Amino acid sequence: MSRDLRPPVDILHYEIVQEQASALGRMGRTLEQALARLREFDAAHASSEVPDSMQPARRKLVMEAGHALWMFVVQREASGLRDSRHIMRTYNVPAEVQLCMGLVPAPSKSARK
């Protein structure tokens, strides 16, 4: 039976850093998936303009990606990583996603009742 001789505060710090790294990984994967769905939608409609009937679906994908970006940026900043420009370049985040980062869509009319 081995015994950890590190002070409890060091053990706790190690656990916290592990969880932060895990959360960053989850948030990064969520952002990648949201951006991939948006890119797939755009690729499927690249040959023509997106019809008006499809605009709400695309807007939803942009908002989902914006929310995922916001969650990732906040998690990074909570971990001490303040410069978000690296994320924007690395993940090739479209400007329209960056602009809606952190916005929460209004509840639908049916949800208000």
Protein backbone atom coordinates (compact mmCIF):
# COMPACT_ATOMS: atom_id res chain seq x y z
CA MET A 1 0.00 0.00 0.00
CA SER A 2 1.61 3.23 -1.14
CA ARG A 3 1.04 6.43 0.67
CA ASP A 4 1.07 9.82 -1.03
CA LEU A 5 3.44 12.02 0.95
CA ARG A 6 2.47 15.27 -0.77
CA PRO A 7 0.67 17.89 1.30
CA PRO A 8 -3.12 17.73 0.90
CA VAL A 9 -3.18 21.19 -0.71
CA ASP A 10 -0.86 19.93 -3.48
CA ILE A 11 -3.08 16.92 -4.07
CA LEU A 12 -6.15 19.17 -4.25
CA HIS A 13 -4.39 21.56 -6.64
CA TYR A 14 -3.47 18.64 -8.89
CA GLU A 15 -7.09 17.45 -8.95
CA ILE A 16 -8.34 20.94 -9.78
CA VAL A 17 -5.86 21.33 -12.65
CA GLN A 18 -6.89 17.91 -13.99
CA GLU A 19 -10.56 18.91 -13.97
CA GLN A 20 -9.79 22.24 -15.65
CA ALA A 21 -7.91 20.43 -18.42
CA SER A 22 -10.76 17.95 -18.82
CA ALA A 23 -13.35 20.74 -18.99
CA LEU A 24 -11.26 22.60 -21.58
CA GLY A 25 -11.12 19.45 -23.67
CA ARG A 26 -14.88 18.95 -23.48
CA MET A 27 -15.58 22.59 -24.36
CA GLY A 28 -13.12 22.47 -27.26
CA ARG A 29 -14.74 19.33 -28.67
CA THR A 30 -18.19 20.89 -28.31
CA LEU A 31 -17.01 23.96 -30.23
CA GLU A 32 -15.45 21.78 -32.94
CA GLN A 33 -18.70 19.83 -33.33
CA ALA A 34 -20.84 22.98 -33.51
CA LEU A 35 -18.55 24.53 -36.11
CA ALA A 36 -18.53 21.28 -38.10
CA ARG A 37 -22.36 21.23 -38.20
CA LEU A 38 -22.37 24.83 -39.45
CA ARG A 39 -19.73 24.08 -42.09
CA GLU A 40 -21.63 20.97 -43.24
CA PHE A 41 -24.80 23.02 -43.60
CA ASP A 42 -22.94 25.68 -45.57
CA ALA A 43 -21.27 23.05 -47.78
CA ALA A 44 -24.63 21.46 -48.55
CA HIS A 45 -25.97 24.83 -49.65
CA ALA A 46 -22.78 26.22 -51.20
CA SER A 47 -23.91 25.91 -54.79
CA SER A 48 -26.80 28.27 -54.22
CA GLU A 49 -27.99 30.88 -51.81
CA VAL A 50 -29.56 29.53 -48.65
CA PRO A 51 -33.32 29.67 -49.23
CA ASP A 52 -35.35 31.83 -46.90
CA SER A 53 -37.01 28.73 -45.49
CA MET A 54 -33.57 27.43 -44.36
CA GLN A 55 -32.37 30.69 -42.79
CA PRO A 56 -33.79 29.87 -39.31
CA ALA A 57 -31.98 26.51 -39.34
CA ARG A 58 -28.71 28.15 -40.27
CA ARG A 59 -29.21 30.90 -37.71
CA LYS A 60 -29.75 28.23 -35.05
CA LEU A 61 -26.45 26.58 -36.01
CA VAL A 62 -24.65 29.93 -35.80
CA MET A 63 -26.17 30.59 -32.37
CA GLU A 64 -25.21 27.11 -31.13
CA ALA A 65 -21.64 27.65 -32.31
CA GLY A 66 -21.61 31.09 -30.66
CA HIS A 67 -22.76 29.58 -27.39
CA ALA A 68 -20.13 26.81 -27.60
CA LEU A 69 -17.48 29.45 -28.34
CA TRP A 70 -18.62 31.50 -25.35
CA MET A 71 -18.47 28.50 -23.02
CA PHE A 72 -14.97 27.62 -24.26
CA VAL A 73 -13.67 31.18 -23.91
CA VAL A 74 -15.09 31.51 -20.39
CA GLN A 75 -13.57 28.17 -19.34
CA ARG A 76 -10.19 29.21 -20.78
CA GLU A 77 -10.32 32.56 -19.01
CA ALA A 78 -11.25 30.88 -15.73
CA SER A 79 -8.12 28.78 -16.20
CA GLY A 80 -5.98 31.87 -16.71
CA LEU A 81 -5.79 31.75 -20.52
CA ARG A 82 -6.90 35.24 -21.46
CA ASP A 83 -6.03 35.61 -25.17
CA SER A 84 -8.92 34.35 -27.30
CA ARG A 85 -7.30 35.23 -30.63
CA HIS A 86 -5.58 31.85 -30.60
CA ILE A 87 -8.98 30.09 -30.46
CA MET A 88 -10.36 32.14 -33.32
CA ARG A 89 -7.38 31.27 -35.55
CA THR A 90 -6.97 27.62 -34.49
CA TYR A 91 -10.65 26.73 -34.83
CA ASN A 92 -11.16 29.09 -37.80
CA VAL A 93 -14.20 30.63 -36.12
CA PRO A 94 -16.32 32.66 -38.59
CA ALA A 95 -16.89 36.32 -37.74
CA GLU A 96 -20.66 35.82 -37.51
CA VAL A 97 -20.13 33.17 -34.81
CA GLN A 98 -17.78 35.48 -32.93
CA LEU A 99 -20.36 38.26 -33.07
CA CYS A 100 -23.07 36.15 -31.45
CA MET A 101 -20.75 34.71 -28.81
CA GLY A 102 -22.52 34.76 -25.46
CA LEU A 103 -25.93 35.70 -26.83
CA VAL A 104 -28.79 33.66 -25.54
CA PRO A 105 -31.65 33.24 -28.01
CA ALA A 106 -35.01 34.55 -26.91
CA PRO A 107 -37.44 31.87 -25.79
CA SER A 108 -39.91 30.79 -28.40
CA LYS A 109 -43.50 32.03 -28.22
CA SER A 110 -44.72 28.59 -27.15
CA ALA A 111 -42.22 28.52 -24.27
CA ARG A 112 -43.51 31.84 -22.90
CA LYS A 113 -47.04 30.57 -22.34
